[in-house]
Amino acid sequence: MRDTLARRPEAEKRLEEARITALRLRLQERREEEAARVAKEQQRHRDRWLQTEYPVGVARDLISRVKLLSPGAKKGFALAIRDAWLAGHFKRSIFIPPLWDENGSFLVRVKPMKPPAGCGAGGERVVRASAEFLQFYRETFPPSAGAMVAPLVLTPDKMLMDLLRSTVPSATDIFVKSMTPQHILHKCGYVLDKAYIYAVIALSKWLGPDRFPQGLFETWPPPWPGLSSTGASSLPEVVAVADGSGIVPGSASGGVLVSGAAASSGSAAASSGSDAF
């Protein structure tokens, strides 16, 4: 009888320790699940920014810069581009890394177009764009008064050239042969936003920061403004308390209370912000 009574505290201690271990494992699993959920959500935010907000921001910045140039500065810009063209800069082969895998849920249909000659058989390809990019295009190039037919004759390659002509002088002389708007759209999966960024990166590589300081010279992908987040899990920690109440969820500090015999053996690891979590 005495041996049984002596062994009971030891058995209860082992049982409590086993319950704490199981609780820690459950919390670790929940933390990992939460971290995966947050990472997935942030990746979607990052993708949406890159594929919708970023192209609009680049286009707005570059086009507004040209509009704000003085007549003399515009002439100087045009001469610099002409010198680069005469020097054969736009004939140089360049490498442009893959930009992004487009998410169809961010895009809307623009209009079908035929692929450029030599770019595969088949019928027309549907050009898509983000709603934000289309809105920017409409604001930048509103139809002329009374030009009700404009939406019917407007083609995606013309839309891209409109943007490029507002970005750099002599765009029609620069984007030729394998770098026509049709070819760029084909290379970019017939996504208008992506094609514009592709063309700007090409300009940046051809001209360099001296002639085109407003270009895109950063490493790819560009830094994401992001969401302010520490990445810390909101799941509770295990906090040991010696009040005899057992394992109960919740506390004033947001922890999970653990008590009993295990409190004395596990309090040091639990109260220190345990690395096991």
C-alpha atoms as a PDB file:
ATOM      1  CA  MET A   1       0.000   0.000   0.000  1.00  0.00           C
ATOM      2  CA  ARG A   2       2.779   2.396   0.957  1.00  0.00           C
ATOM      3  CA  ASP A   3       4.700   1.500  -2.240  1.00  0.00           C
ATOM      4  CA  THR A   4       1.608   2.276  -4.304  1.00  0.00           C
ATOM      5  CA  LEU A   5       1.168   5.647  -2.619  1.00  0.00           C
ATOM      6  CA  ALA A   6       4.858   6.440  -3.116  1.00  0.00           C
ATOM      7  CA  ARG A   7       4.692   5.634  -6.817  1.00  0.00           C
ATOM      8  CA  ARG A   8       1.542   7.682  -7.459  1.00  0.00           C
ATOM      9  CA  PRO A   9       3.241  11.156  -7.518  1.00  0.00           C
ATOM     10  CA  GLU A  10       5.894   9.811  -9.879  1.00  0.00           C
ATOM     11  CA  ALA A  11       3.237   8.378 -12.193  1.00  0.00           C
ATOM     12  CA  GLU A  12       1.264  11.622 -12.124  1.00  0.00           C
ATOM     13  CA  LYS A  13       4.435  13.540 -12.903  1.00  0.00           C
ATOM     14  CA  ARG A  14       5.168  11.359 -15.950  1.00  0.00           C
ATOM     15  CA  LEU A  15       1.558  11.699 -17.083  1.00  0.00           C
ATOM     16  CA  GLU A  16       1.703  15.476 -16.773  1.00  0.00           C
ATOM     17  CA  GLU A  17       4.993  15.604 -18.647  1.00  0.00           C
ATOM     18  CA  ALA A  18       3.500  13.497 -21.417  1.00  0.00           C
ATOM     19  CA  ARG A  19       0.530  15.864 -21.646  1.00  0.00           C
ATOM     20  CA  ILE A  20       2.864  18.860 -21.897  1.00  0.00           C
ATOM     21  CA  THR A  21       4.898  17.169 -24.638  1.00  0.00           C
ATOM     22  CA  ALA A  22       1.728  16.412 -26.577  1.00  0.00           C
ATOM     23  CA  LEU A  23       0.537  19.990 -26.149  1.00  0.00           C
ATOM     24  CA  ARG A  24       3.852  21.348 -27.379  1.00  0.00           C
ATOM     25  CA  LEU A  25       3.681  19.130 -30.448  1.00  0.00           C
ATOM     26  CA  ARG A  26       0.150  20.333 -31.202  1.00  0.00           C
ATOM     27  CA  LEU A  27       1.217  23.954 -30.808  1.00  0.00           C
ATOM     28  CA  GLN A  28       4.221  23.393 -33.081  1.00  0.00           C
ATOM     29  CA  GLU A  29       1.972  21.907 -35.751  1.00  0.00           C
ATOM     30  CA  ARG A  30      -0.426  24.825 -35.463  1.00  0.00           C
ATOM     31  CA  ARG A  31       2.451  27.323 -35.692  1.00  0.00           C
ATOM     32  CA  GLU A  32       3.738  25.637 -38.832  1.00  0.00           C
ATOM     33  CA  GLU A  33       0.255  25.642 -40.353  1.00  0.00           C
ATOM     34  CA  GLU A  34      -0.155  29.326 -39.487  1.00  0.00           C
ATOM     35  CA  ALA A  35       3.262  30.180 -40.918  1.00  0.00           C
ATOM     36  CA  ALA A  36       2.387  28.359 -44.155  1.00  0.00           C
ATOM     37  CA  ARG A  37      -0.942  30.193 -44.356  1.00  0.00           C
ATOM     38  CA  VAL A  38       0.707  33.586 -43.803  1.00  0.00           C
ATOM     39  CA  ALA A  39       3.425  32.814 -46.368  1.00  0.00           C
ATOM     40  CA  LYS A  40       0.816  31.823 -48.935  1.00  0.00           C
ATOM     41  CA  GLU A  41      -1.223  34.953 -48.280  1.00  0.00           C
ATOM     42  CA  GLN A  42       1.824  37.209 -48.511  1.00  0.00           C
ATOM     43  CA  GLN A  43       2.885  35.524 -51.747  1.00  0.00           C
ATOM     44  CA  ARG A  44      -0.505  36.319 -53.234  1.00  0.00           C
ATOM     45  CA  HIS A  45      -0.193  39.947 -52.126  1.00  0.00           C
ATOM     46  CA  ARG A  46       3.306  40.048 -53.617  1.00  0.00           C
ATOM     47  CA  ASP A  47       2.096  38.549 -56.890  1.00  0.00           C
ATOM     48  CA  ARG A  48      -0.824  40.951 -57.102  1.00  0.00           C
ATOM     49  CA  TRP A  49       1.453  43.943 -56.489  1.00  0.00           C
ATOM     50  CA  LEU A  50       4.015  42.797 -59.070  1.00  0.00           C
ATOM     51  CA  GLN A  51       1.442  41.975 -61.734  1.00  0.00           C
ATOM     52  CA  THR A  52      -0.953  44.904 -61.266  1.00  0.00           C
ATOM     53  CA  GLU A  53       0.399  47.828 -59.220  1.00  0.00           C
ATOM     54  CA  TYR A  54       4.042  47.678 -60.253  1.00  0.00           C
ATOM     55  CA  PRO A  55       3.526  48.021 -64.047  1.00  0.00           C
ATOM     56  CA  VAL A  56       1.137  50.932 -63.525  1.00  0.00           C
ATOM     57  CA  GLY A  57       3.610  52.646 -61.201  1.00  0.00           C
ATOM     58  CA  VAL A  58       6.474  52.240 -63.676  1.00  0.00           C
ATOM     59  CA  ALA A  59       4.405  53.459 -66.632  1.00  0.00           C
ATOM     60  CA  ARG A  60       3.028  56.428 -64.722  1.00  0.00           C
ATOM     61  CA  ASP A  61       6.490  57.456 -63.519  1.00  0.00           C
ATOM     62  CA  LEU A  62       8.232  57.166 -66.886  1.00  0.00           C
ATOM     63  CA  ILE A  63       5.499  58.829 -68.919  1.00  0.00           C
ATOM     64  CA  SER A  64       5.038  61.665 -66.435  1.00  0.00           C
ATOM     65  CA  ARG A  65       8.794  62.303 -66.486  1.00  0.00           C
ATOM     66  CA  VAL A  66       8.693  62.831 -70.253  1.00  0.00           C
ATOM     67  CA  LYS A  67       5.657  65.099 -69.996  1.00  0.00           C
ATOM     68  CA  LEU A  68       7.389  67.289 -67.420  1.00  0.00           C
ATOM     69  CA  LEU A  69      10.540  67.817 -69.478  1.00  0.00           C
ATOM     70  CA  SER A  70      11.149  71.307 -70.794  1.00  0.00           C
ATOM     71  CA  PRO A  71      11.285  71.706 -74.578  1.00  0.00           C
ATOM     72  CA  GLY A  72      15.071  71.887 -74.409  1.00  0.00           C
ATOM     73  CA  ALA A  73      15.308  68.783 -72.261  1.00  0.00           C
ATOM     74  CA  LYS A  74      12.980  66.888 -74.573  1.00  0.00           C
ATOM     75  CA  LYS A  75      15.187  67.810 -77.510  1.00  0.00           C
ATOM     76  CA  GLY A  76      18.275  66.649 -75.630  1.00  0.00           C
ATOM     77  CA  PHE A  77      16.585  63.362 -74.722  1.00  0.00           C
ATOM     78  CA  ALA A  78      15.607  62.812 -78.346  1.00  0.00           C
ATOM     79  CA  LEU A  79      19.172  63.527 -79.531  1.00  0.00           C
ATOM     80  CA  ALA A  80      20.620  61.093 -77.003  1.00  0.00           C
ATOM     81  CA  ILE A  81      18.250  58.383 -78.213  1.00  0.00           C
ATOM     82  CA  ARG A  82      19.089  59.209 -81.824  1.00  0.00           C
ATOM     83  CA  ASP A  83      22.817  58.926 -81.095  1.00  0.00           C
ATOM     84  CA  ALA A  84      22.249  55.550 -79.450  1.00  0.00           C
ATOM     85  CA  TRP A  85      20.232  54.413 -82.458  1.00  0.00           C
ATOM     86  CA  LEU A  86      22.956  55.507 -84.896  1.00  0.00           C
ATOM     87  CA  ALA A  87      25.557  53.746 -82.766  1.00  0.00           C
ATOM     88  CA  GLY A  88      23.605  50.499 -83.029  1.00  0.00           C
ATOM     89  CA  HIS A  89      22.730  50.153 -79.350  1.00  0.00           C
ATOM     90  CA  PHE A  90      19.266  48.836 -80.140  1.00  0.00           C
ATOM     91  CA  LYS A  91      20.690  46.033 -82.276  1.00  0.00           C
ATOM     92  CA  ARG A  92      22.600  44.530 -79.376  1.00  0.00           C
ATOM     93  CA  SER A  93      21.428  41.175 -78.061  1.00  0.00           C
ATOM     94  CA  ILE A  94      20.184  41.396 -74.506  1.00  0.00           C
ATOM     95  CA  PHE A  95      18.989  38.905 -71.923  1.00  0.00           C
ATOM     96  CA  ILE A  96      15.801  39.590 -69.996  1.00  0.00           C
ATOM     97  CA  PRO A  97      14.964  37.127 -67.218  1.00  0.00           C
ATOM     98  CA  PRO A  98      11.486  35.632 -66.896  1.00  0.00           C
ATOM     99  CA  LEU A  99       9.363  38.305 -65.272  1.00  0.00           C
ATOM    100  CA  TRP A 100       6.513  36.438 -63.620  1.00  0.00           C
ATOM    101  CA  ASP A 101       4.050  33.606 -64.074  1.00  0.00           C
ATOM    102  CA  GLU A 102       0.835  35.477 -64.620  1.00  0.00           C
ATOM    103  CA  ASN A 103      -2.114  34.823 -62.359  1.00  0.00           C
ATOM    104  CA  GLY A 104      -5.200  34.780 -64.526  1.00  0.00           C
ATOM    105  CA  SER A 105      -7.400  35.982 -61.680  1.00  0.00           C
ATOM    106  CA  PHE A 106      -5.622  39.374 -61.838  1.00  0.00           C
ATOM    107  CA  LEU A 107      -6.299  39.836 -65.561  1.00  0.00           C
ATOM    108  CA  VAL A 108      -9.161  40.783 -67.836  1.00  0.00           C
ATOM    109  CA  ARG A 109      -9.584  40.168 -71.531  1.00  0.00           C
ATOM    110  CA  VAL A 110      -8.458  42.989 -73.837  1.00  0.00           C
ATOM    111  CA  LYS A 111      -8.758  41.771 -77.406  1.00  0.00           C
ATOM    112  CA  PRO A 112      -7.564  38.898 -79.594  1.00  0.00           C
ATOM    113  CA  MET A 113      -4.656  39.344 -81.989  1.00  0.00           C
ATOM    114  CA  LYS A 114      -2.807  37.204 -84.480  1.00  0.00           C
ATOM    115  CA  PRO A 115       0.658  36.039 -83.415  1.00  0.00           C
ATOM    116  CA  PRO A 116       3.548  37.587 -85.340  1.00  0.00           C
ATOM    117  CA  ALA A 117       4.839  35.739 -88.369  1.00  0.00           C
ATOM    118  CA  GLY A 118       7.068  32.813 -87.487  1.00  0.00           C
ATOM    119  CA  CYS A 119       5.799  32.604 -83.896  1.00  0.00           C
ATOM    120  CA  GLY A 120       3.787  29.433 -84.129  1.00  0.00           C
ATOM    121  CA  ALA A 121       0.739  28.234 -85.930  1.00  0.00           C
ATOM    122  CA  GLY A 122      -2.791  28.604 -84.726  1.00  0.00           C
ATOM    123  CA  GLY A 123      -5.461  31.195 -84.622  1.00  0.00           C
ATOM    124  CA  GLU A 124      -5.713  34.405 -82.701  1.00  0.00           C
ATOM    125  CA  ARG A 125      -4.379  34.771 -79.175  1.00  0.00           C
ATOM    126  CA  VAL A 126      -6.291  36.617 -76.507  1.00  0.00           C
ATOM    127  CA  VAL A 127      -4.408  39.572 -75.055  1.00  0.00           C
ATOM    128  CA  ARG A 128      -5.069  40.241 -71.384  1.00  0.00           C
ATOM    129  CA  ALA A 129      -4.167  42.976 -68.935  1.00  0.00           C
ATOM    130  CA  SER A 130      -4.872  43.965 -65.375  1.00  0.00           C
ATOM    131  CA  ALA A 131      -7.866  46.225 -64.871  1.00  0.00           C
ATOM    132  CA  GLU A 132      -5.509  48.741 -63.246  1.00  0.00           C
ATOM    133  CA  PHE A 133      -3.267  48.887 -66.320  1.00  0.00           C
ATOM    134  CA  LEU A 134      -6.206  49.284 -68.671  1.00  0.00           C
ATOM    135  CA  GLN A 135      -7.571  52.090 -66.542  1.00  0.00           C
ATOM    136  CA  PHE A 136      -4.190  53.821 -66.640  1.00  0.00           C
ATOM    137  CA  TYR A 137      -4.095  53.483 -70.430  1.00  0.00           C
ATOM    138  CA  ARG A 138      -7.586  54.967 -70.797  1.00  0.00           C
ATOM    139  CA  GLU A 139      -6.676  57.891 -68.565  1.00  0.00           C
ATOM    140  CA  THR A 140      -3.413  58.510 -70.416  1.00  0.00           C
ATOM    141  CA  PHE A 141      -4.833  58.123 -73.920  1.00  0.00           C
ATOM    142  CA  PRO A 142      -8.486  59.159 -73.790  1.00  0.00           C
ATOM    143  CA  PRO A 143     -10.340  58.835 -77.107  1.00  0.00           C
ATOM    144  CA  SER A 144     -10.622  62.010 -79.111  1.00  0.00           C
ATOM    145  CA  ALA A 145     -13.907  63.873 -78.973  1.00  0.00           C
ATOM    146  CA  GLY A 146     -16.378  62.197 -81.283  1.00  0.00           C
ATOM    147  CA  ALA A 147     -14.044  59.279 -82.025  1.00  0.00           C
ATOM    148  CA  MET A 148     -16.644  56.640 -81.218  1.00  0.00           C
ATOM    149  CA  VAL A 149     -14.948  54.157 -83.538  1.00  0.00           C
ATOM    150  CA  ALA A 150     -11.632  54.265 -81.607  1.00  0.00           C
ATOM    151  CA  PRO A 151     -12.337  51.244 -79.346  1.00  0.00           C
ATOM    152  CA  LEU A 152     -13.118  49.151 -82.428  1.00  0.00           C
ATOM    153  CA  VAL A 153      -9.846  49.841 -84.247  1.00  0.00           C
ATOM    154  CA  LEU A 154      -7.600  49.924 -81.176  1.00  0.00           C
ATOM    155  CA  THR A 155      -5.366  46.857 -81.121  1.00  0.00           C
ATOM    156  CA  PRO A 156      -3.141  45.577 -78.271  1.00  0.00           C
ATOM    157  CA  ASP A 157       0.063  46.144 -80.231  1.00  0.00           C
ATOM    158  CA  LYS A 158      -1.000  49.739 -80.914  1.00  0.00           C
ATOM    159  CA  MET A 159      -1.761  50.203 -77.219  1.00  0.00           C
ATOM    160  CA  LEU A 160       1.717  48.991 -76.339  1.00  0.00           C
ATOM    161  CA  MET A 161       3.294  51.284 -78.924  1.00  0.00           C
ATOM    162  CA  ASP A 162       1.283  54.230 -77.564  1.00  0.00           C
ATOM    163  CA  LEU A 163       2.833  53.583 -74.165  1.00  0.00           C
ATOM    164  CA  LEU A 164       6.336  53.174 -75.558  1.00  0.00           C
ATOM    165  CA  ARG A 165       6.141  56.327 -77.680  1.00  0.00           C
ATOM    166  CA  SER A 166       5.216  58.233 -74.527  1.00  0.00           C
ATOM    167  CA  THR A 167       8.140  56.659 -72.686  1.00  0.00           C
ATOM    168  CA  VAL A 168      10.992  57.214 -75.127  1.00  0.00           C
ATOM    169  CA  PRO A 169      11.507  59.225 -78.342  1.00  0.00           C
ATOM    170  CA  SER A 170      11.685  57.342 -81.644  1.00  0.00           C
ATOM    171  CA  ALA A 171      10.015  54.243 -80.193  1.00  0.00           C
ATOM    172  CA  THR A 172       8.820  53.217 -83.655  1.00  0.00           C
ATOM    173  CA  ASP A 173      12.459  53.110 -84.806  1.00  0.00           C
ATOM    174  CA  ILE A 174      13.627  51.235 -81.707  1.00  0.00           C
ATOM    175  CA  PHE A 175      11.063  48.464 -81.437  1.00  0.00           C
ATOM    176  CA  VAL A 176      11.461  46.728 -84.769  1.00  0.00           C
ATOM    177  CA  LYS A 177      12.179  43.251 -86.183  1.00  0.00           C
ATOM    178  CA  SER A 178      12.137  40.736 -83.320  1.00  0.00           C
ATOM    179  CA  MET A 179      11.237  43.461 -80.812  1.00  0.00           C
ATOM    180  CA  THR A 180       8.070  44.832 -82.343  1.00  0.00           C
ATOM    181  CA  PRO A 181       5.110  45.217 -79.997  1.00  0.00           C
ATOM    182  CA  GLN A 182       3.620  42.051 -81.534  1.00  0.00           C
ATOM    183  CA  HIS A 183       6.784  40.069 -80.793  1.00  0.00           C
ATOM    184  CA  ILE A 184       7.059  41.458 -77.261  1.00  0.00           C
ATOM    185  CA  LEU A 185       3.445  40.550 -76.528  1.00  0.00           C
ATOM    186  CA  HIS A 186       4.132  37.060 -77.830  1.00  0.00           C
ATOM    187  CA  LYS A 187       7.203  36.720 -75.593  1.00  0.00           C
ATOM    188  CA  CYS A 188       5.185  37.885 -72.608  1.00  0.00           C
ATOM    189  CA  GLY A 189       2.267  35.502 -72.965  1.00  0.00           C
ATOM    190  CA  TYR A 190       0.054  38.197 -74.510  1.00  0.00           C
ATOM    191  CA  VAL A 191      -0.159  40.116 -71.235  1.00  0.00           C
ATOM    192  CA  LEU A 192      -0.018  43.872 -71.850  1.00  0.00           C
ATOM    193  CA  ASP A 193       1.351  44.902 -68.429  1.00  0.00           C
ATOM    194  CA  LYS A 194       4.127  42.346 -68.687  1.00  0.00           C
ATOM    195  CA  ALA A 195       4.994  43.378 -72.250  1.00  0.00           C
ATOM    196  CA  TYR A 196       5.431  47.007 -71.203  1.00  0.00           C
ATOM    197  CA  ILE A 197       7.788  46.090 -68.346  1.00  0.00           C
ATOM    198  CA  TYR A 198       9.707  43.804 -70.717  1.00  0.00           C
ATOM    199  CA  ALA A 199      10.153  46.676 -73.177  1.00  0.00           C
ATOM    200  CA  VAL A 200      11.302  49.083 -70.447  1.00  0.00           C
ATOM    201  CA  ILE A 201      13.883  46.578 -69.221  1.00  0.00           C
ATOM    202  CA  ALA A 202      15.083  46.236 -72.824  1.00  0.00           C
ATOM    203  CA  LEU A 203      15.424  50.020 -73.093  1.00  0.00           C
ATOM    204  CA  SER A 204      17.332  50.100 -69.818  1.00  0.00           C
ATOM    205  CA  LYS A 205      19.795  47.468 -71.006  1.00  0.00           C
ATOM    206  CA  TRP A 206      20.263  49.096 -74.407  1.00  0.00           C
ATOM    207  CA  LEU A 207      20.729  52.620 -73.126  1.00  0.00           C
ATOM    208  CA  GLY A 208      22.289  52.187 -69.699  1.00  0.00           C
ATOM    209  CA  PRO A 209      21.876  54.485 -66.689  1.00  0.00           C
ATOM    210  CA  ASP A 210      23.695  57.401 -68.331  1.00  0.00           C
ATOM    211  CA  ARG A 211      21.209  57.799 -71.193  1.00  0.00           C
ATOM    212  CA  PHE A 212      18.181  56.354 -69.400  1.00  0.00           C
ATOM    213  CA  PRO A 213      18.614  56.943 -65.655  1.00  0.00           C
ATOM    214  CA  GLN A 214      14.904  56.483 -65.024  1.00  0.00           C
ATOM    215  CA  GLY A 215      15.089  52.900 -66.341  1.00  0.00           C
ATOM    216  CA  LEU A 216      14.807  49.619 -64.490  1.00  0.00           C
ATOM    217  CA  PHE A 217      18.267  48.577 -63.320  1.00  0.00           C
ATOM    218  CA  GLU A 218      17.411  46.862 -60.058  1.00  0.00           C
ATOM    219  CA  THR A 219      17.744  43.138 -59.579  1.00  0.00           C
ATOM    220  CA  TRP A 220      14.697  41.126 -60.510  1.00  0.00           C
ATOM    221  CA  PRO A 221      12.166  40.762 -59.046  1.00  0.00           C
ATOM    222  CA  PRO A 222      11.923  44.307 -57.695  1.00  0.00           C
ATOM    223  CA  PRO A 223      11.688  44.752 -53.930  1.00  0.00           C
ATOM    224  CA  TRP A 224       8.147  44.358 -52.695  1.00  0.00           C
ATOM    225  CA  PRO A 225       6.846  47.171 -50.471  1.00  0.00           C
ATOM    226  CA  GLY A 226       5.171  44.387 -48.554  1.00  0.00           C
ATOM    227  CA  LEU A 227       2.949  44.155 -45.544  1.00  0.00           C
ATOM    228  CA  SER A 228       4.255  45.208 -42.151  1.00  0.00           C
ATOM    229  CA  SER A 229       4.580  41.880 -40.415  1.00  0.00           C
ATOM    230  CA  THR A 230       7.132  40.370 -38.090  1.00  0.00           C
ATOM    231  CA  GLY A 231       6.184  36.911 -39.237  1.00  0.00           C
ATOM    232  CA  ALA A 232       5.635  35.913 -35.621  1.00  0.00           C
ATOM    233  CA  SER A 233       2.904  33.423 -34.937  1.00  0.00           C
ATOM    234  CA  SER A 234      -0.118  34.518 -32.968  1.00  0.00           C
ATOM    235  CA  LEU A 235      -0.435  31.094 -31.364  1.00  0.00           C
ATOM    236  CA  PRO A 236       0.012  30.968 -27.571  1.00  0.00           C
ATOM    237  CA  GLU A 237       3.084  29.734 -25.776  1.00  0.00           C
ATOM    238  CA  VAL A 238       3.137  27.161 -23.000  1.00  0.00           C
ATOM    239  CA  VAL A 239       3.337  28.846 -19.608  1.00  0.00           C
ATOM    240  CA  ALA A 240       3.842  26.757 -16.484  1.00  0.00           C
ATOM    241  CA  VAL A 241       1.830  27.653 -13.378  1.00  0.00           C
ATOM    242  CA  ALA A 242       1.686  25.805 -10.079  1.00  0.00           C
ATOM    243  CA  ASP A 243      -1.947  26.299  -9.155  1.00  0.00           C
ATOM    244  CA  GLY A 244      -3.130  22.708  -9.466  1.00  0.00           C
ATOM    245  CA  SER A 245      -5.650  23.588 -12.158  1.00  0.00           C
ATOM    246  CA  GLY A 246      -4.300  21.276 -14.873  1.00  0.00           C
ATOM    247  CA  ILE A 247      -3.890  22.201 -18.535  1.00  0.00           C
ATOM    248  CA  VAL A 248      -6.351  24.884 -19.586  1.00  0.00           C
ATOM    249  CA  PRO A 249      -6.386  27.070 -22.705  1.00  0.00           C
ATOM    250  CA  GLY A 250      -5.912  30.806 -22.485  1.00  0.00           C
ATOM    251  CA  SER A 251      -4.567  33.281 -19.988  1.00  0.00           C
ATOM    252  CA  ALA A 252      -4.256  37.007 -19.535  1.00  0.00           C
ATOM    253  CA  SER A 253      -1.006  36.860 -21.478  1.00  0.00           C
ATOM    254  CA  GLY A 254      -2.453  34.728 -24.248  1.00  0.00           C
ATOM    255  CA  GLY A 255      -0.522  31.631 -23.164  1.00  0.00           C
ATOM    256  CA  VAL A 256      -1.631  28.103 -22.422  1.00  0.00           C
ATOM    257  CA  LEU A 257      -1.475  27.363 -18.718  1.00  0.00           C
ATOM    258  CA  VAL A 258       0.204  24.167 -17.540  1.00  0.00           C
ATOM    259  CA  SER A 259       0.256  23.239 -13.900  1.00  0.00           C
ATOM    260  CA  GLY A 260       0.703  20.360 -11.512  1.00  0.00           C
ATOM    261  CA  ALA A 261       3.788  18.290 -11.009  1.00  0.00           C
ATOM    262  CA  ALA A 262       5.117  19.172 -14.461  1.00  0.00           C
ATOM    263  CA  ALA A 263       5.308  22.841 -13.561  1.00  0.00           C
ATOM    264  CA  SER A 264       8.306  22.305 -11.371  1.00  0.00           C
ATOM    265  CA  SER A 265      10.202  20.250 -13.958  1.00  0.00           C
ATOM    266  CA  GLY A 266       9.145  22.158 -17.088  1.00  0.00           C
ATOM    267  CA  SER A 267       8.875  25.774 -15.939  1.00  0.00           C
ATOM    268  CA  ALA A 268      12.404  26.770 -16.899  1.00  0.00           C
ATOM    269  CA  ALA A 269      12.047  25.772 -20.536  1.00  0.00           C
ATOM    270  CA  ALA A 270       8.463  26.970 -20.850  1.00  0.00           C
ATOM    271  CA  SER A 271       8.878  30.388 -19.296  1.00  0.00           C
ATOM    272  CA  SER A 272      12.001  31.193 -21.299  1.00  0.00           C
ATOM    273  CA  GLY A 273      10.195  31.384 -24.633  1.00  0.00           C
ATOM    274  CA  SER A 274      11.273  27.809 -25.360  1.00  0.00           C
ATOM    275  CA  ASP A 275      13.142  27.216 -28.602  1.00  0.00           C
ATOM    276  CA  ALA A 276      11.063  24.061 -29.010  1.00  0.00           C
ATOM    277  CA  PHE A 277       8.275  26.261 -30.315  1.00  0.00           C
END
